[in-house]
């Protein structure tokens, strides 16, 4: 009977140790889940910043392209009739364009000359070709697709963590 008494006395100590061990494991698991969730959210925030950066690049690229576009590109040269139709007076037309001219013909000639010269002098940078713009857009689109894939993976991991937490809780 001595052995039975000893096993009864030691059983609660072993059970307590087991409970403390389980509690410690739960704390460690909770800490791990917090760290994983933090990393996932950090990665998601970084991906959102990258997405914003890509959008800014596209906007900047379009603005640069618009700035480099020749003013007369896609537009017929100025002529006296169209200028007279658009503006009621020569004074209003000159004020609109900021050009000095003695008559409608001189105004049209100066505007057409300015358009021709701006293409050659421009902003000092070469005009972006259509294929360069498409290549740049394709590269940005590929990067956005990669970000989307990464975001979906992160969301999947986050969903697993959430599901594990709800199952354990």
Protein backbone atom coordinates (compact mmCIF):
# COMPACT_ATOMS: atom_id res chain seq x y z
CA UNK A 1 0.00 0.00 0.00
CA UNK A 2 2.96 2.30 0.35
CA UNK A 3 3.35 2.45 -3.41
CA UNK A 4 -0.31 3.34 -3.94
CA UNK A 5 -0.07 6.21 -1.46
CA UNK A 6 3.09 7.50 -3.15
CA UNK A 7 1.50 7.36 -6.63
CA UNK A 8 -1.59 9.23 -5.44
CA UNK A 9 0.52 11.99 -3.91
CA UNK A 10 2.70 12.35 -7.02
CA UNK A 11 -0.20 12.29 -9.50
CA UNK A 12 -1.44 15.85 -8.77
CA UNK A 13 2.12 17.22 -9.12
CA UNK A 14 2.47 15.54 -12.52
CA UNK A 15 -0.95 16.82 -13.60
CA UNK A 16 -0.03 20.36 -12.51
CA UNK A 17 3.24 20.14 -14.42
CA UNK A 18 1.34 19.01 -17.50
CA UNK A 19 -1.13 21.90 -17.15
CA UNK A 20 1.70 24.40 -16.75
CA UNK A 21 3.42 22.90 -19.80
CA UNK A 22 0.23 23.16 -21.86
CA UNK A 23 -0.27 26.76 -20.70
CA UNK A 24 3.32 27.58 -21.71
CA UNK A 25 2.80 25.97 -25.12
CA UNK A 26 -0.37 28.02 -25.60
CA UNK A 27 1.51 31.22 -24.71
CA UNK A 28 4.27 30.34 -27.18
CA UNK A 29 1.71 29.53 -29.87
CA UNK A 30 -0.05 32.84 -29.23
CA UNK A 31 3.26 34.70 -29.44
CA UNK A 32 4.09 32.91 -32.69
CA UNK A 33 0.68 33.76 -34.15
CA UNK A 34 1.11 37.40 -33.16
CA UNK A 35 4.54 37.52 -34.83
CA UNK A 36 3.24 35.81 -37.98
CA UNK A 37 0.24 38.12 -38.16
CA UNK A 38 2.51 41.13 -37.65
CA UNK A 39 4.81 40.00 -40.44
CA UNK A 40 1.88 39.35 -42.77
CA UNK A 41 0.39 42.76 -42.07
CA UNK A 42 3.80 44.38 -42.53
CA UNK A 43 4.22 42.63 -45.87
CA UNK A 44 0.71 43.66 -46.90
CA UNK A 45 1.50 47.28 -46.00
CA UNK A 46 4.72 47.10 -48.04
CA UNK A 47 2.81 45.67 -50.99
CA UNK A 48 0.25 48.48 -50.72
CA UNK A 49 3.09 51.02 -50.76
CA UNK A 50 4.58 49.30 -53.83
CA UNK A 51 1.17 49.39 -55.50
CA UNK A 52 0.89 53.11 -54.79
CA UNK A 53 4.41 53.63 -56.14
CA UNK A 54 3.50 51.82 -59.35
CA UNK A 55 0.39 53.95 -59.76
CA UNK A 56 2.50 57.07 -59.20
CA UNK A 57 4.96 55.84 -61.86
CA UNK A 58 2.16 55.35 -64.37
CA UNK A 59 0.76 58.80 -63.63
CA UNK A 60 4.21 60.34 -63.89
CA UNK A 61 4.89 58.52 -67.14
CA UNK A 62 1.63 59.72 -68.66
CA UNK A 63 2.28 63.28 -67.51
CA UNK A 64 5.80 63.19 -68.94
CA UNK A 65 4.47 61.87 -72.21
CA UNK A 66 1.83 64.59 -72.32
CA UNK A 67 4.46 67.24 -71.61
CA UNK A 68 6.69 65.88 -74.37
CA UNK A 69 3.87 65.69 -76.88
CA UNK A 70 4.23 68.30 -79.53
CA UNK A 71 1.62 71.03 -79.12
CA UNK A 72 0.58 70.73 -82.77
CA UNK A 73 0.63 66.92 -82.76
CA UNK A 74 -2.68 65.48 -83.88
CA UNK A 75 -3.89 69.00 -84.58
CA UNK A 76 -4.20 70.76 -87.89
CA UNK A 77 -2.06 73.88 -88.29
CA UNK A 78 -3.68 77.11 -87.21
CA UNK A 79 -5.42 79.03 -89.93
CA UNK A 80 -7.06 82.43 -90.00
CA UNK A 81 -10.61 81.10 -90.39
CA UNK A 82 -10.43 78.74 -87.41
CA UNK A 83 -8.82 81.39 -85.21
CA UNK A 84 -11.48 83.95 -86.17
CA UNK A 85 -14.19 81.39 -85.46
CA UNK A 86 -12.73 80.49 -82.05
CA UNK A 87 -11.97 84.05 -80.92
CA UNK A 88 -14.18 87.09 -81.40
CA UNK A 89 -11.32 89.56 -81.67
CA UNK A 90 -7.66 89.51 -82.60
CA UNK A 91 -6.94 91.04 -79.21
CA UNK A 92 -8.63 88.09 -77.41
CA UNK A 93 -6.71 85.56 -79.52
CA UNK A 94 -3.37 87.28 -78.88
CA UNK A 95 -4.13 87.43 -75.15
CA UNK A 96 -5.08 83.73 -75.10
CA UNK A 97 -1.87 82.58 -76.77
CA UNK A 98 0.35 85.29 -75.30
CA UNK A 99 1.65 86.19 -78.76
CA UNK A 100 2.17 89.60 -80.34
CA UNK A 101 0.91 89.88 -83.89
CA UNK A 102 -0.31 92.65 -86.20
CA UNK A 103 -3.04 90.62 -87.88
CA UNK A 104 -4.80 87.27 -88.06
CA UNK A 105 -2.35 85.98 -90.69
CA UNK A 106 0.66 86.94 -88.58
CA UNK A 107 -0.90 85.30 -85.51
CA UNK A 108 -1.56 82.05 -87.39
CA UNK A 109 1.98 82.06 -88.78
CA UNK A 110 3.53 82.68 -85.36
CA UNK A 111 1.44 79.92 -83.75
CA UNK A 112 2.34 77.43 -86.46
CA UNK A 113 6.00 78.44 -86.26
CA UNK A 114 5.95 78.05 -82.47
CA UNK A 115 4.51 74.55 -82.84
CA UNK A 116 7.16 73.60 -85.35
CA UNK A 117 9.98 75.01 -83.22
CA UNK A 118 8.77 73.47 -79.97
CA UNK A 119 9.12 70.05 -81.50
CA UNK A 120 12.78 70.65 -82.27
CA UNK A 121 13.71 72.61 -79.11
CA UNK A 122 11.25 71.06 -76.69
CA UNK A 123 12.25 70.38 -73.12
CA UNK A 124 15.67 69.07 -74.01
CA UNK A 125 14.60 65.44 -73.58
CA UNK A 126 13.84 63.07 -76.42
CA UNK A 127 10.21 62.25 -77.02
CA UNK A 128 9.20 58.87 -75.64
CA UNK A 129 8.23 56.52 -78.43
CA UNK A 130 5.01 54.58 -78.40
CA UNK A 131 6.86 51.27 -78.04
CA UNK A 132 8.89 52.60 -75.08
CA UNK A 133 5.69 53.64 -73.34
CA UNK A 134 4.16 50.22 -73.98
CA UNK A 135 7.27 48.47 -72.68
CA UNK A 136 7.24 50.56 -69.53
CA UNK A 137 3.53 49.91 -69.00
CA UNK A 138 4.07 46.17 -69.56
CA UNK A 139 6.85 46.13 -66.95
CA UNK A 140 4.63 47.95 -64.48
CA UNK A 141 1.76 45.58 -65.21
CA UNK A 142 4.01 42.55 -64.62
CA UNK A 143 5.15 44.00 -61.31
CA UNK A 144 1.53 44.65 -60.31
CA UNK A 145 0.60 41.06 -61.18
CA UNK A 146 3.49 39.84 -59.03
CA UNK A 147 2.31 42.06 -56.18
CA UNK A 148 -1.24 40.76 -56.59
CA UNK A 149 0.02 37.17 -56.39
CA UNK A 150 2.06 37.97 -53.28
CA UNK A 151 -0.91 39.73 -51.72
CA UNK A 152 -3.12 36.70 -52.34
CA UNK A 153 -0.53 34.44 -50.70
CA UNK A 154 -0.31 36.76 -47.70
CA UNK A 155 -4.08 36.89 -47.38
CA UNK A 156 -4.21 33.08 -47.53
CA UNK A 157 -1.64 32.82 -44.73
CA UNK A 158 -3.50 35.39 -42.68
CA UNK A 159 -6.75 33.49 -43.20
CA UNK A 160 -5.06 30.29 -41.96
CA UNK A 161 -3.82 32.08 -38.84
CA UNK A 162 -7.27 33.49 -38.19
CA UNK A 163 -8.90 30.10 -38.70
CA UNK A 164 -6.39 28.40 -36.36
CA UNK A 165 -6.99 31.04 -33.72
CA UNK A 166 -10.77 30.65 -33.92
CA UNK A 167 -10.54 26.83 -33.79
CA UNK A 168 -8.29 26.93 -30.73
CA UNK A 169 -10.35 29.60 -28.97
